[in-house]
Amino acid sequence: MRYHELYNSGELHERVRQAYARLKSCDLCPHDCRVNRLAGATGVCRVAWLPRIASANIHRGEEPPISGRRGSGTIFFSNCSLSCRFCQNFPISQLGNGTDITTAELAEKMLRLQSQKAHNINFVTPGHFLPQVLAALYLAVRQGFSLPIVWNSSGYERVDALRLLDGIVDIYLPDMKYAGEEAAVRFSSAPGYRDINRAAVTEMFRQVGHLRLDEEGVAVSGLIIRHLVLPEGGAGTRETLAWIAENLGHTTHISLMKQYFPAHRALETPGIHRKLFDEEYEEAVAALEEYGLENGWVQE
């Protein structure tokens, strides 16, 4: 993995130092809370300096190149920089269910998943714990860690924070949730989501390029974009797919997701208070084909 070169050169240690320095006046995400998380203060993500995880297990429910035959070593982080009213994992992302651990314990979990033959380590919603992830990776590499790193995120991320991951993350798996400001604010409390997200995904693509697979069809590096189709066109699917085709290319891998249902606070939120109709998803699939985006996955 490329991060071994950064470790050997001392650059990985320097990245850890730079990342932790940002926790003193936290600016890791676009909310720019500027609280001192090292002193125990919390901002929008509601966590201080210890990483909090909900689980660390082999998971086989991701896209085929991520799960492969042996599964993905998935580590679910608690809390989130978004407040999605429809989040299906809201006990973890919104209620903060999980356990605080040290970075040494996080490294141990990475090594355990490697010993269980996971294809990769898949960090889910990791942005608010970027410094802790880098520190855990540094400790794990010293003990023989060598799996690809998957960064599985909401896509609401700062470019300057993502640059700390250049040469470290092998596979980016971001959401592209919204094309409109009103929906981003009303459904996820994410002002500026569209432009922030597009800049973030562009940076991810610069770092890793298009998806590459090994001889077994397992992801080695590259970008996979997830897009959840929402009722009543709330996600702006057509506009997002057009942007991907024009700016990232027609060979970009896209996971077009159909599994929306009104979880958490969605039932009380007009526009996302009902399940997705088949016809709405079929329109999204038609747009995928219209823009020549042939790589990826659709759901039955």
Protein backbone atom coordinates (compact mmCIF):
# COMPACT_ATOMS: atom_id res chain seq x y z
CA MET A 1 0.00 0.00 0.00
CA ARG A 2 1.14 3.55 -0.69
CA TYR A 3 0.92 4.50 2.96
CA HIS A 4 3.93 2.27 3.68
CA GLU A 5 6.08 4.68 1.69
CA LEU A 6 4.70 7.58 3.72
CA TYR A 7 5.42 5.68 6.92
CA ASN A 8 8.99 4.90 5.93
CA SER A 9 9.69 8.49 4.90
CA GLY A 10 8.24 9.97 8.09
CA GLU A 11 5.46 11.71 6.16
CA LEU A 12 2.71 9.65 7.82
CA HIS A 13 3.90 10.78 11.25
CA GLU A 14 3.85 14.39 10.01
CA ARG A 15 0.29 13.96 8.70
CA VAL A 16 -0.78 12.69 12.13
CA ARG A 17 0.77 15.77 13.75
CA GLN A 18 -0.93 18.15 11.31
CA ALA A 19 -4.31 16.46 11.73
CA TYR A 20 -4.24 16.53 15.52
CA ALA A 21 -3.26 20.20 15.48
CA ARG A 22 -6.56 20.92 13.75
CA LEU A 23 -8.50 19.46 16.69
CA LYS A 24 -7.40 22.40 18.87
CA SER A 25 -9.77 24.61 16.88
CA CYS A 26 -11.60 22.01 14.89
CA ASP A 27 -12.01 22.77 11.20
CA LEU A 28 -12.06 19.22 9.88
CA CYS A 29 -15.52 19.49 8.31
CA PRO A 30 -17.42 22.29 6.54
CA HIS A 31 -19.28 23.29 9.73
CA ASP A 32 -15.99 24.82 10.92
CA CYS A 33 -17.01 24.70 14.59
CA ARG A 34 -13.59 25.88 15.88
CA VAL A 35 -14.00 24.14 19.26
CA ASN A 36 -11.04 22.65 21.12
CA ARG A 37 -11.80 18.96 20.92
CA LEU A 38 -8.47 18.10 22.55
CA ALA A 39 -9.79 19.87 25.66
CA GLY A 40 -13.06 17.94 25.55
CA ALA A 41 -15.24 20.50 23.77
CA THR A 42 -17.66 19.27 21.10
CA GLY A 43 -19.22 20.79 18.01
CA VAL A 44 -21.78 19.60 15.48
CA CYS A 45 -20.40 16.04 15.48
CA ARG A 46 -20.78 15.87 19.30
CA VAL A 47 -17.48 14.05 19.93
CA ALA A 48 -14.21 15.19 21.48
CA TRP A 49 -10.83 13.50 20.95
CA LEU A 50 -11.41 9.80 21.58
CA PRO A 51 -12.66 7.82 18.57
CA ARG A 52 -16.07 6.28 19.18
CA ILE A 53 -17.10 3.19 17.23
CA ALA A 54 -20.34 1.25 17.04
CA SER A 55 -18.86 -1.94 15.57
CA ALA A 56 -15.84 -3.46 13.83
CA ASN A 57 -16.73 -6.61 11.91
CA ILE A 58 -16.55 -8.42 8.60
CA HIS A 59 -19.34 -7.03 6.41
CA ARG A 60 -20.61 -8.51 3.15
CA GLY A 61 -23.30 -6.01 2.25
CA GLU A 62 -21.22 -3.45 0.35
CA GLU A 63 -20.78 -3.16 -3.42
CA PRO A 64 -19.29 -6.35 -4.91
CA PRO A 65 -15.73 -4.99 -5.40
CA ILE A 66 -15.65 -3.86 -1.76
CA SER A 67 -17.11 -7.00 -0.16
CA GLY A 68 -15.49 -9.51 -2.52
CA ARG A 69 -15.62 -13.14 -1.37
CA ARG A 70 -14.25 -12.66 2.14
CA GLY A 71 -16.00 -9.45 3.14
CA SER A 72 -14.95 -5.93 4.04
CA GLY A 73 -13.44 -5.12 7.44
CA THR A 74 -15.99 -2.47 8.32
CA ILE A 75 -15.51 -0.07 11.22
CA PHE A 76 -18.61 2.04 11.93
CA PHE A 77 -17.82 5.34 13.64
CA SER A 78 -20.44 6.94 15.86
CA ASN A 79 -21.92 10.40 15.29
CA CYS A 80 -21.74 12.40 12.09
CA SER A 81 -21.21 15.89 10.74
CA LEU A 82 -24.64 15.68 9.05
CA SER A 83 -28.06 15.48 10.68
CA CYS A 84 -30.00 13.53 8.07
CA ARG A 85 -33.64 13.31 9.04
CA PHE A 86 -33.98 10.01 7.15
CA CYS A 87 -30.80 8.27 8.36
CA GLN A 88 -31.35 4.52 8.57
CA ASN A 89 -28.42 4.23 11.00
CA PHE A 90 -29.64 7.05 13.24
CA PRO A 91 -28.94 5.25 16.56
CA ILE A 92 -25.26 5.38 15.56
CA SER A 93 -25.08 8.61 13.55
CA GLN A 94 -27.53 10.80 15.47
CA LEU A 95 -27.85 9.25 18.94
CA GLY A 96 -24.15 8.46 19.22
CA ASN A 97 -24.49 4.81 20.20
CA GLY A 98 -21.03 3.30 20.47
CA THR A 99 -17.94 2.93 22.63
CA ASP A 100 -15.06 5.33 23.11
CA ILE A 101 -11.70 3.65 22.45
CA THR A 102 -8.08 4.70 22.14
CA THR A 103 -6.22 4.92 18.84
CA ALA A 104 -4.16 1.91 19.97
CA GLU A 105 -7.38 -0.07 20.38
CA LEU A 106 -8.54 1.10 16.95
CA ALA A 107 -5.26 -0.15 15.48
CA GLU A 108 -5.82 -3.51 17.19
CA LYS A 109 -9.25 -3.79 15.58
CA MET A 110 -7.74 -3.09 12.16
CA LEU A 111 -5.16 -5.81 12.72
CA ARG A 112 -7.83 -8.25 13.94
CA LEU A 113 -9.90 -7.70 10.80
CA GLN A 114 -6.79 -8.26 8.69
CA SER A 115 -6.19 -11.56 10.52
CA GLN A 116 -9.77 -12.54 9.65
CA LYS A 117 -8.86 -12.18 5.94
CA ALA A 118 -10.91 -9.06 5.21
CA HIS A 119 -10.23 -7.63 1.76
CA ASN A 120 -9.87 -4.09 3.13
CA ILE A 121 -10.53 -1.82 6.09
CA ASN A 122 -13.69 0.17 5.45
CA PHE A 123 -14.00 3.27 7.64
CA VAL A 124 -17.67 4.33 7.70
CA THR A 125 -18.44 8.00 8.45
CA PRO A 126 -14.83 8.70 9.44
CA GLY A 127 -14.39 12.40 8.62
CA HIS A 128 -14.75 13.77 12.15
CA PHE A 129 -12.16 11.22 13.31
CA LEU A 130 -9.60 11.80 10.56
CA PRO A 131 -6.68 12.48 12.96
CA GLN A 132 -7.49 9.40 15.03
CA VAL A 133 -7.69 7.23 11.90
CA LEU A 134 -4.26 8.42 10.79
CA ALA A 135 -2.81 7.77 14.25
CA ALA A 136 -4.32 4.27 14.36
CA LEU A 137 -2.95 3.53 10.88
CA TYR A 138 0.51 4.65 11.99
CA LEU A 139 0.37 2.25 14.95
CA ALA A 140 -1.05 -0.58 12.86
CA VAL A 141 1.59 -0.31 10.12
CA ARG A 142 4.26 -0.76 12.77
CA GLN A 143 2.63 -4.11 13.57
CA GLY A 144 2.30 -5.42 10.03
CA PHE A 145 -0.92 -3.86 8.73
CA SER A 146 -1.12 -3.84 4.92
CA LEU A 147 -4.76 -3.81 3.72
CA PRO A 148 -6.29 -1.26 1.33
CA ILE A 149 -8.11 1.61 3.07
CA VAL A 150 -11.70 2.47 2.10
CA TRP A 151 -12.99 5.94 3.04
CA ASN A 152 -16.80 5.54 3.17
CA SER A 153 -18.27 8.99 3.75
CA SER A 154 -21.17 11.39 3.36
CA GLY A 155 -19.08 13.43 0.92
CA TYR A 156 -19.56 16.58 3.04
CA GLU A 157 -15.85 17.15 3.47
CA ARG A 158 -13.25 19.87 3.16
CA VAL A 159 -10.68 19.55 0.39
CA ASP A 160 -7.83 20.65 2.66
CA ALA A 161 -8.72 17.87 5.12
CA LEU A 162 -8.91 15.29 2.33
CA ARG A 163 -5.41 16.24 1.21
CA LEU A 164 -4.13 14.77 4.47
CA LEU A 165 -5.34 11.41 3.10
CA ASP A 166 -3.52 11.64 -0.23
CA GLY A 167 -1.46 8.47 -0.64
CA ILE A 168 -3.21 6.86 2.34
CA VAL A 169 -6.76 6.12 1.19
CA ASP A 170 -6.91 3.61 -1.65
CA ILE A 171 -10.65 3.57 -2.35
CA TYR A 172 -13.03 6.47 -1.86
CA LEU A 173 -16.71 5.59 -1.41
CA PRO A 174 -18.49 8.96 -1.00
CA ASP A 175 -22.15 9.87 -1.19
CA MET A 176 -23.38 12.51 -3.56
CA LYS A 177 -26.62 13.28 -1.75
CA TYR A 178 -28.02 16.53 -3.13
CA ALA A 179 -27.96 18.86 -6.09
CA GLY A 180 -30.08 21.54 -4.40
CA GLU A 181 -29.42 23.80 -1.41
CA GLU A 182 -32.94 23.73 -0.01
CA ALA A 183 -33.02 19.94 0.23
CA ALA A 184 -29.51 19.75 1.70
CA VAL A 185 -30.40 22.17 4.50
CA ARG A 186 -33.89 20.87 5.20
CA PHE A 187 -33.09 17.16 5.11
CA SER A 188 -29.49 17.07 6.41
CA SER A 189 -28.61 20.48 7.94
CA ALA A 190 -25.79 20.68 5.39
CA PRO A 191 -25.49 24.20 3.98
CA GLY A 192 -23.53 24.44 0.76
CA TYR A 193 -23.61 20.66 0.31
CA ARG A 194 -23.63 20.59 -3.50
CA ASP A 195 -20.54 22.72 -4.10
CA ILE A 196 -18.65 21.33 -1.09
CA ASN A 197 -19.46 17.78 -2.14
CA ARG A 198 -18.46 18.29 -5.76
CA ALA A 199 -15.15 19.83 -4.74
CA ALA A 200 -14.54 16.93 -2.33
CA VAL A 201 -15.35 14.25 -4.90
CA THR A 202 -13.14 16.00 -7.45
CA GLU A 203 -10.25 15.87 -4.97
CA MET A 204 -10.94 12.20 -4.23
CA PHE A 205 -10.85 11.47 -7.94
CA ARG A 206 -7.59 13.38 -8.32
CA GLN A 207 -6.04 11.19 -5.64
CA VAL A 208 -7.21 7.73 -6.74
CA GLY A 209 -8.71 7.93 -10.24
CA HIS A 210 -11.22 5.48 -11.65
CA LEU A 211 -11.87 2.13 -10.00
CA ARG A 212 -9.27 -0.60 -10.52
CA LEU A 213 -9.87 -4.26 -9.66
CA ASP A 214 -7.57 -7.20 -9.07
CA GLU A 215 -7.84 -10.56 -10.82
CA GLU A 216 -10.60 -11.61 -8.39
CA GLY A 217 -12.71 -8.52 -9.09
CA VAL A 218 -11.88 -6.89 -5.74
CA ALA A 219 -11.20 -3.16 -5.60
CA VAL A 220 -7.55 -2.17 -5.42
CA SER A 221 -7.97 1.58 -5.77
CA GLY A 222 -10.28 4.21 -7.20
CA LEU A 223 -13.59 5.97 -6.74
CA ILE A 224 -17.12 4.61 -6.32
CA ILE A 225 -19.90 7.19 -5.92
CA ARG A 226 -23.07 6.33 -4.04
CA HIS A 227 -26.30 8.16 -4.81
CA LEU A 228 -29.50 7.45 -2.88
CA VAL A 229 -32.60 8.29 -4.93
CA LEU A 230 -35.13 10.21 -2.80
CA PRO A 231 -38.89 10.63 -3.24
CA GLU A 232 -40.20 13.55 -5.26
CA GLY A 233 -36.79 14.15 -6.84
CA GLY A 234 -35.40 15.44 -3.55
CA ALA A 235 -31.85 14.32 -4.29
CA GLY A 236 -31.64 16.07 -7.68
CA THR A 237 -30.57 12.80 -9.28
CA ARG A 238 -30.57 13.89 -12.91
CA GLU A 239 -28.44 16.97 -12.22
CA THR A 240 -25.94 14.97 -10.15
CA LEU A 241 -25.55 12.27 -12.80
CA ALA A 242 -25.07 14.90 -15.50
CA TRP A 243 -22.33 16.53 -13.42
CA ILE A 244 -20.54 13.22 -12.90
CA ALA A 245 -20.60 12.40 -16.60
CA GLU A 246 -19.28 15.82 -17.57
CA ASN A 247 -16.66 16.29 -14.87
CA LEU A 248 -15.46 12.80 -13.93
CA GLY A 249 -16.17 10.87 -17.11
CA HIS A 250 -18.52 8.19 -18.37
CA THR A 251 -16.48 5.34 -16.90
CA THR A 252 -17.07 6.50 -13.32
CA HIS A 253 -18.52 3.75 -11.13
CA ILE A 254 -21.84 4.67 -9.53
CA SER A 255 -23.95 2.79 -7.02
CA LEU A 256 -27.51 4.00 -7.64
CA MET A 257 -29.41 3.07 -4.52
CA LYS A 258 -33.11 2.33 -4.20
CA GLN A 259 -33.41 1.39 -0.53
CA TYR A 260 -34.88 4.65 0.74
CA PHE A 261 -37.59 4.39 3.35
CA PRO A 262 -38.75 7.02 5.88
CA ALA A 263 -36.57 6.23 8.92
CA HIS A 264 -35.76 8.40 11.94
CA ARG A 265 -37.58 11.75 11.56
CA ALA A 266 -38.53 11.40 7.90
CA LEU A 267 -42.21 10.64 8.57
CA GLU A 268 -42.64 14.16 9.93
CA THR A 269 -40.74 15.77 7.04
CA PRO A 270 -42.67 16.68 3.86
CA GLY A 271 -40.98 15.44 0.71
CA ILE A 272 -39.34 12.40 2.32
CA HIS A 273 -42.25 11.12 4.40
CA ARG A 274 -43.00 8.14 2.15
CA LYS A 275 -41.11 5.30 0.52
CA LEU A 276 -39.61 5.63 -2.93
CA PHE A 277 -41.92 4.62 -5.78
CA ASP A 278 -40.63 2.15 -8.37
CA GLU A 279 -41.36 4.69 -11.09
CA GLU A 280 -39.09 7.25 -9.42
CA TYR A 281 -36.21 4.82 -9.32
CA GLU A 282 -36.81 3.78 -12.92
CA GLU A 283 -36.51 7.44 -13.95
CA ALA A 284 -33.15 7.58 -12.17
CA VAL A 285 -31.94 4.46 -13.99
CA ALA A 286 -33.08 6.00 -17.29
CA ALA A 287 -31.02 9.12 -16.51
CA LEU A 288 -28.00 6.94 -15.76
CA GLU A 289 -28.32 5.40 -19.21
CA GLU A 290 -29.05 8.74 -20.87
CA TYR A 291 -25.77 10.21 -19.62
CA GLY A 292 -23.79 7.15 -20.68
CA LEU A 293 -22.82 6.08 -17.16
CA GLU A 294 -22.53 2.35 -17.71
CA ASN A 295 -20.26 1.30 -14.83
CA GLY A 296 -21.69 0.49 -11.45
CA TRP A 297 -24.75 -1.03 -9.90
CA VAL A 298 -28.50 -0.61 -9.91
CA GLN A 299 -30.94 -2.43 -7.66
CA GLU A 300 -33.88 -4.61 -8.57
